[in-house]
Protein backbone atom coordinates (compact mmCIF):
# COMPACT_ATOMS: atom_id res chain seq x y z
CA UNK A 1 39.92 -14.33 -29.81
CA UNK A 2 40.83 -10.43 -28.85
CA UNK A 3 40.62 -8.15 -26.12
CA UNK A 4 38.25 -5.67 -27.98
CA UNK A 5 35.66 -9.09 -28.11
CA UNK A 6 36.15 -9.85 -24.83
CA UNK A 7 35.09 -6.73 -23.55
CA UNK A 8 32.57 -6.59 -26.02
CA UNK A 9 31.27 -9.49 -24.47
CA UNK A 10 31.53 -9.29 -21.04
CA UNK A 11 29.80 -5.45 -21.26
CA UNK A 12 26.81 -7.55 -23.14
CA UNK A 13 26.27 -9.39 -20.52
CA UNK A 14 26.76 -7.28 -18.24
CA UNK A 15 23.86 -5.39 -19.76
CA UNK A 16 21.55 -8.19 -19.97
CA UNK A 17 22.53 -9.28 -16.42
CA UNK A 18 21.26 -5.65 -15.36
CA UNK A 19 17.95 -5.00 -17.56
CA UNK A 20 16.73 -8.69 -16.06
CA UNK A 21 16.97 -7.31 -12.62
CA UNK A 22 15.12 -4.35 -13.54
CA UNK A 23 12.42 -6.07 -15.32
CA UNK A 24 11.96 -8.81 -12.31
CA UNK A 25 11.69 -5.49 -9.89
CA UNK A 26 9.35 -3.76 -11.84
CA UNK A 27 6.89 -6.87 -12.26
CA UNK A 28 7.87 -7.24 -8.57
CA UNK A 29 6.62 -3.70 -7.70
CA UNK A 30 3.35 -4.38 -10.20
CA UNK A 31 1.88 -6.61 -8.05
CA UNK A 32 2.14 -4.49 -4.51
CA UNK A 33 0.36 -1.72 -5.92
CA UNK A 34 -3.35 -3.59 -6.64
CA UNK A 35 -2.91 -5.23 -3.09
CA UNK A 36 -2.61 -1.67 -1.31
CA UNK A 37 -5.85 -0.39 -3.45
CA UNK A 38 -8.05 -3.58 -2.97
CA UNK A 39 -7.04 -3.23 1.30
CA UNK A 40 -7.94 0.69 0.92
CA UNK A 41 -11.18 0.14 -0.64
CA UNK A 42 -12.05 -3.16 1.64
CA UNK A 43 -11.54 -0.75 4.14
CA UNK A 44 -13.38 1.83 3.83
CA UNK A 45 -16.13 0.27 2.75
CA UNK A 46 -16.19 -1.87 6.52
CA UNK A 47 -15.66 1.57 7.77
CA UNK A 48 -19.09 3.11 5.52
CA UNK A 49 -21.10 -0.32 6.40
CA UNK A 50 -20.23 -0.19 10.10
CA UNK A 51 -20.97 3.68 10.83
CA UNK A 52 -24.15 3.38 8.58
CA UNK A 53 -25.47 0.71 10.72
CA UNK A 54 -23.90 1.87 14.54
CA UNK A 55 -24.36 5.90 13.74
CA UNK A 56 -26.53 5.81 16.14
CA UNK A 57 -24.75 4.37 18.87
CA UNK A 58 -21.70 5.99 17.89
CA UNK A 59 -22.57 9.01 17.88
CA UNK A 60 -24.13 8.18 21.38
CA UNK A 61 -20.92 6.42 23.15
CA UNK A 62 -18.89 9.90 22.14
CA UNK A 63 -21.55 12.41 22.98
CA UNK A 64 -21.15 10.71 26.58
CA UNK A 65 -17.60 10.06 26.56
CA UNK A 66 -17.00 14.08 25.79
CA UNK A 67 -20.19 14.78 28.36
CA UNK A 68 -17.92 12.19 30.64
CA UNK A 69 -14.63 14.53 30.02
CA UNK A 70 -15.83 17.96 30.18
CA UNK A 71 -18.31 17.81 33.21
CA UNK A 72 -21.24 17.35 31.47
CA UNK A 73 -21.90 20.78 31.67
CA UNK A 74 -22.09 20.77 35.72
């Protein structure tokens, strides 16, 4: 095997190894996005459901806290 053939063989193996690493990184990153989207949507849904259910109580709690800090207009 000539020096040129050895160099060509090593270059091809290195390129194949690099391509496999890039492909594995792309596959791994692709799986994270749907998970984060799902978590974000579920969190937004929970906040909306809690707000719709307890809007009056939360508003009252907030007003009471603000009046307690500001003195309630006394």
